[in-house]
Amino acid sequence: MSQQAIAQSLSALRQEGLIETVQDPKDERKSPVRVSEKGKLAINTYLSLHTKWLVRRIESRFAPEELVALERAIAVLERLAKSDDGDEEP
C-alpha cells in the first residue's frame, strides 16, 4: 500500500471522526494516530452486530450434536491460544 493510499484512508477516517492525530511532543514531525471515542463505538457496534449474525447463522445451520462438538472444539482452541509454551508467531 502506498503512502498516498494510506494518507487518503486516514484522511477519510479523520473526516468521519473515527480517528484522531496527536502531536508528538518529542518530535513535531510525527503525528501518531489513535482511534477516537466515536471510532471505538463504531468498532464495538460492528463487532456486536457481527457476533449476533454469526451466532444466528451457526444456530440455524448446525444440529444440536454439532453445536456440542463445536463448543468442545472452541474450548480446545481457546486452551491452545492461552498456552504459553514459548512459541512465537511466524
Protein backbone atom coordinates (compact mmCIF):
# COMPACT_ATOMS: atom_id res chain seq x y z
CA MET A 1 0.00 0.00 0.00
CA SER A 2 1.46 3.36 -1.00
CA GLN A 3 1.95 6.29 1.36
CA GLN A 4 -0.59 8.23 -0.69
CA ALA A 5 -3.21 5.49 -0.30
CA ILE A 6 -2.58 5.35 3.44
CA ALA A 7 -2.87 9.14 3.70
CA GLN A 8 -6.17 9.09 1.79
CA SER A 9 -7.55 6.33 4.02
CA LEU A 10 -6.50 8.17 7.16
CA SER A 11 -7.99 11.39 5.84
CA ALA A 12 -11.36 9.72 5.23
CA LEU A 13 -11.33 8.16 8.71
CA ARG A 14 -10.37 11.51 10.25
CA GLN A 15 -13.18 13.31 8.38
CA GLU A 16 -15.67 10.78 9.76
CA GLY A 17 -14.31 11.40 13.25
CA LEU A 18 -13.21 7.78 13.64
CA ILE A 19 -9.54 8.57 14.30
CA GLU A 20 -7.59 11.49 15.66
CA THR A 21 -4.00 12.53 15.42
CA VAL A 22 -1.90 13.67 18.32
CA GLN A 23 1.26 15.73 18.06
CA ASP A 24 4.34 14.00 19.39
CA PRO A 25 5.84 16.48 21.88
CA LYS A 26 9.31 14.99 21.33
CA ASP A 27 9.16 15.12 17.52
CA GLU A 28 6.76 17.55 15.86
CA ARG A 29 7.25 15.79 12.53
CA LYS A 30 5.37 12.78 13.90
CA SER A 31 1.60 12.65 14.28
CA PRO A 32 0.59 9.40 15.93
CA VAL A 33 -2.92 8.23 15.06
CA ARG A 34 -5.37 6.75 17.54
CA VAL A 35 -8.95 5.57 17.42
CA SER A 36 -11.36 8.23 18.66
CA GLU A 37 -14.25 7.56 21.04
CA LYS A 38 -16.58 7.63 18.01
CA GLY A 39 -14.28 5.12 16.31
CA LYS A 40 -14.29 2.83 19.34
CA LEU A 41 -18.09 2.96 19.43
CA ALA A 42 -18.24 2.11 15.70
CA ILE A 43 -15.88 -0.84 16.18
CA ASN A 44 -17.82 -2.16 19.18
CA THR A 45 -21.14 -1.76 17.35
CA TYR A 46 -19.81 -3.62 14.31
CA LEU A 47 -18.37 -6.43 16.44
CA SER A 48 -21.62 -6.79 18.36
CA LEU A 49 -23.71 -6.95 15.18
CA HIS A 50 -21.27 -9.36 13.55
CA THR A 51 -21.26 -11.62 16.61
CA LYS A 52 -25.07 -11.72 16.69
CA TRP A 53 -25.16 -12.52 12.98
CA LEU A 54 -22.60 -15.30 13.41
CA VAL A 55 -24.49 -16.84 16.34
CA ARG A 56 -27.76 -16.83 14.36
CA ARG A 57 -26.02 -18.37 11.36
CA ILE A 58 -24.35 -21.13 13.40
CA GLU A 59 -27.51 -21.95 15.35
CA SER A 60 -29.61 -22.15 12.20
CA ARG A 61 -27.24 -24.42 10.29
CA PHE A 62 -25.97 -26.97 12.80
CA ALA A 63 -27.74 -29.81 14.56
CA PRO A 64 -27.67 -29.81 18.38
CA GLU A 65 -24.97 -32.51 18.50
CA GLU A 66 -22.86 -30.50 16.06
CA LEU A 67 -23.20 -27.44 18.30
CA VAL A 68 -21.90 -29.51 21.23
CA ALA A 69 -18.93 -30.65 19.13
CA LEU A 70 -18.29 -27.05 18.07
CA GLU A 71 -18.32 -25.87 21.70
CA ARG A 72 -15.77 -28.57 22.58
CA ALA A 73 -13.56 -27.58 19.65
CA ILE A 74 -13.72 -23.94 20.68
CA ALA A 75 -12.67 -24.86 24.23
CA VAL A 76 -9.64 -26.75 22.88
CA LEU A 77 -8.68 -23.84 20.60
CA GLU A 78 -9.03 -21.35 23.46
CA ARG A 79 -6.77 -23.51 25.62
CA LEU A 80 -4.23 -23.63 22.79
CA ALA A 81 -4.38 -19.85 22.35
CA LYS A 82 -3.83 -19.28 26.08
CA SER A 83 -0.94 -21.72 26.37
CA ASP A 84 2.46 -20.14 26.76
CA ASP A 85 4.96 -22.65 25.50
CA GLY A 86 7.43 -20.16 24.13
CA ASP A 87 6.34 -20.41 20.51
CA GLU A 88 6.45 -17.14 18.67
CA GLU A 89 4.20 -16.10 15.81
CA PRO A 90 5.76 -16.71 12.40
